[in-house]
Amino acid sequence: TEGIIPALESAHAVSLAAEVAKAYRPEQSILINLSGRGDKDMHTVANALGVTL
């Protein structure tokens, strides 16, 4: 499947939506609006984790 890399700011919304979805019925939907480009944050995350890209 096609992956989605949200910006760091939007990633918090994705995480919360995944938690909230656990309480939803199968016929219910969740809509998340993403902004930014997560691919630009890869070096920031790698540095924080001590990973060399």
N, C-alpha and C. Protein backbone atom coordinates (compact mmCIF):
# COMPACT_ATOMS: atom_id res chain seq x y z
N THR A 1 0.84 -1.19 0.00
CA THR A 1 0.00 0.00 0.00
C THR A 1 0.87 1.24 0.00
N GLU A 2 0.27 2.34 -0.35
CA GLU A 2 0.99 3.61 -0.37
C GLU A 2 1.12 4.13 1.06
N GLY A 3 2.32 4.51 1.44
CA GLY A 3 2.53 5.02 2.78
C GLY A 3 2.27 6.51 2.88
N ILE A 4 1.98 6.96 4.08
CA ILE A 4 1.77 8.38 4.34
C ILE A 4 2.78 8.78 5.41
N ILE A 5 3.54 9.82 5.15
CA ILE A 5 4.49 10.35 6.12
C ILE A 5 4.02 11.75 6.50
N PRO A 6 3.28 11.89 7.60
CA PRO A 6 2.82 13.22 7.98
C PRO A 6 3.95 14.05 8.59
N ALA A 7 3.79 15.36 8.54
CA ALA A 7 4.73 16.24 9.24
C ALA A 7 4.66 15.92 10.73
N LEU A 8 5.71 16.26 11.47
CA LEU A 8 5.74 15.95 12.90
C LEU A 8 4.54 16.54 13.63
N GLU A 9 4.12 17.75 13.25
CA GLU A 9 2.99 18.40 13.92
C GLU A 9 1.70 17.60 13.69
N SER A 10 1.52 17.08 12.49
CA SER A 10 0.31 16.33 12.16
C SER A 10 0.35 14.90 12.69
N ALA A 11 1.52 14.38 12.95
CA ALA A 11 1.65 13.00 13.42
C ALA A 11 0.94 12.78 14.75
N HIS A 12 0.87 13.81 15.58
CA HIS A 12 0.16 13.70 16.86
C HIS A 12 -1.32 13.43 16.62
N ALA A 13 -1.90 14.07 15.61
CA ALA A 13 -3.31 13.86 15.28
C ALA A 13 -3.55 12.44 14.81
N VAL A 14 -2.63 11.91 14.02
CA VAL A 14 -2.77 10.54 13.53
C VAL A 14 -2.73 9.56 14.70
N SER A 15 -1.82 9.78 15.62
CA SER A 15 -1.69 8.91 16.78
C SER A 15 -2.96 8.94 17.64
N LEU A 16 -3.47 10.13 17.89
CA LEU A 16 -4.69 10.26 18.70
C LEU A 16 -5.88 9.62 17.98
N ALA A 17 -5.98 9.82 16.68
CA ALA A 17 -7.09 9.24 15.92
C ALA A 17 -7.07 7.71 16.00
N ALA A 18 -5.88 7.13 15.97
CA ALA A 18 -5.77 5.68 16.07
C ALA A 18 -6.28 5.19 17.43
N GLU A 19 -6.02 5.94 18.48
CA GLU A 19 -6.52 5.58 19.81
C GLU A 19 -8.03 5.76 19.90
N VAL A 20 -8.53 6.88 19.39
CA VAL A 20 -9.97 7.17 19.43
C VAL A 20 -10.74 6.13 18.62
N ALA A 21 -10.18 5.69 17.51
CA ALA A 21 -10.85 4.75 16.62
C ALA A 21 -11.19 3.43 17.31
N LYS A 22 -10.45 3.08 18.32
CA LYS A 22 -10.71 1.83 19.04
C LYS A 22 -12.11 1.81 19.65
N ALA A 23 -12.64 2.98 19.98
CA ALA A 23 -13.97 3.07 20.59
C ALA A 23 -15.08 3.24 19.56
N TYR A 24 -14.74 3.35 18.30
CA TYR A 24 -15.73 3.58 17.24
C TYR A 24 -16.31 2.25 16.75
N ARG A 25 -17.53 2.33 16.27
CA ARG A 25 -18.16 1.19 15.62
C ARG A 25 -17.62 1.09 14.20
N PRO A 26 -17.64 -0.10 13.59
CA PRO A 26 -17.10 -0.27 12.23
C PRO A 26 -17.71 0.67 11.19
N GLU A 27 -18.97 1.05 11.36
CA GLU A 27 -19.61 1.91 10.36
C GLU A 27 -19.28 3.39 10.56
N GLN A 28 -18.59 3.72 11.63
CA GLN A 28 -18.20 5.11 11.87
C GLN A 28 -16.89 5.42 11.17
N SER A 29 -16.70 6.69 10.87
CA SER A 29 -15.48 7.14 10.17
C SER A 29 -14.77 8.21 10.97
N ILE A 30 -13.48 8.34 10.70
CA ILE A 30 -12.67 9.41 11.27
C ILE A 30 -12.00 10.12 10.10
N LEU A 31 -12.04 11.42 10.13
CA LEU A 31 -11.39 12.24 9.10
C LEU A 31 -10.24 12.99 9.75
N ILE A 32 -9.06 12.87 9.16
CA ILE A 32 -7.87 13.57 9.66
C ILE A 32 -7.35 14.46 8.55
N ASN A 33 -7.10 15.70 8.88
CA ASN A 33 -6.53 16.65 7.92
C ASN A 33 -5.03 16.74 8.19
N LEU A 34 -4.23 16.39 7.20
CA LEU A 34 -2.78 16.45 7.35
C LEU A 34 -2.22 17.65 6.60
N SER A 35 -1.14 18.17 7.14
CA SER A 35 -0.45 19.27 6.47
C SER A 35 1.05 19.01 6.57
N GLY A 36 1.78 19.71 5.76
CA GLY A 36 3.23 19.58 5.81
C GLY A 36 3.74 18.38 5.06
N ARG A 37 5.05 18.24 5.08
CA ARG A 37 5.72 17.13 4.40
C ARG A 37 6.62 16.42 5.39
N GLY A 38 6.21 15.22 5.78
CA GLY A 38 6.97 14.46 6.75
C GLY A 38 8.34 14.04 6.27
N ASP A 39 8.51 13.92 4.94
CA ASP A 39 9.81 13.52 4.42
C ASP A 39 10.88 14.57 4.74
N LYS A 40 10.47 15.80 4.97
CA LYS A 40 11.44 16.84 5.33
C LYS A 40 11.89 16.70 6.78
N ASP A 41 11.16 15.93 7.59
CA ASP A 41 11.48 15.76 9.01
C ASP A 41 12.33 14.52 9.28
N MET A 42 12.64 13.75 8.26
CA MET A 42 13.35 12.48 8.47
C MET A 42 14.69 12.67 9.18
N HIS A 43 15.44 13.70 8.81
CA HIS A 43 16.74 13.93 9.44
C HIS A 43 16.59 14.38 10.89
N THR A 44 15.55 15.14 11.19
CA THR A 44 15.29 15.56 12.56
C THR A 44 15.01 14.35 13.44
N VAL A 45 14.17 13.45 12.97
CA VAL A 45 13.84 12.25 13.72
C VAL A 45 15.06 11.34 13.84
N ALA A 46 15.79 11.17 12.77
CA ALA A 46 16.99 10.33 12.80
C ALA A 46 18.00 10.85 13.82
N ASN A 47 18.20 12.15 13.84
CA ASN A 47 19.14 12.73 14.81
C ASN A 47 18.66 12.49 16.24
N ALA A 48 17.36 12.64 16.48
CA ALA A 48 16.82 12.43 17.82
C ALA A 48 16.97 10.98 18.27
N LEU A 49 16.92 10.05 17.32
CA LEU A 49 17.05 8.63 17.65
C LEU A 49 18.49 8.13 17.56
N GLY A 50 19.41 9.00 17.15
CA GLY A 50 20.81 8.59 17.02
C GLY A 50 21.05 7.68 15.83
N VAL A 51 20.24 7.85 14.79
CA VAL A 51 20.35 7.01 13.59
C VAL A 51 21.00 7.82 12.48
N THR A 52 21.90 7.20 11.74
CA THR A 52 22.52 7.84 10.60
C THR A 52 21.79 7.43 9.33
N LEU A 53 21.39 8.43 8.55
CA LEU A 53 20.71 8.14 7.28
C LEU A 53 21.70 8.14 6.15
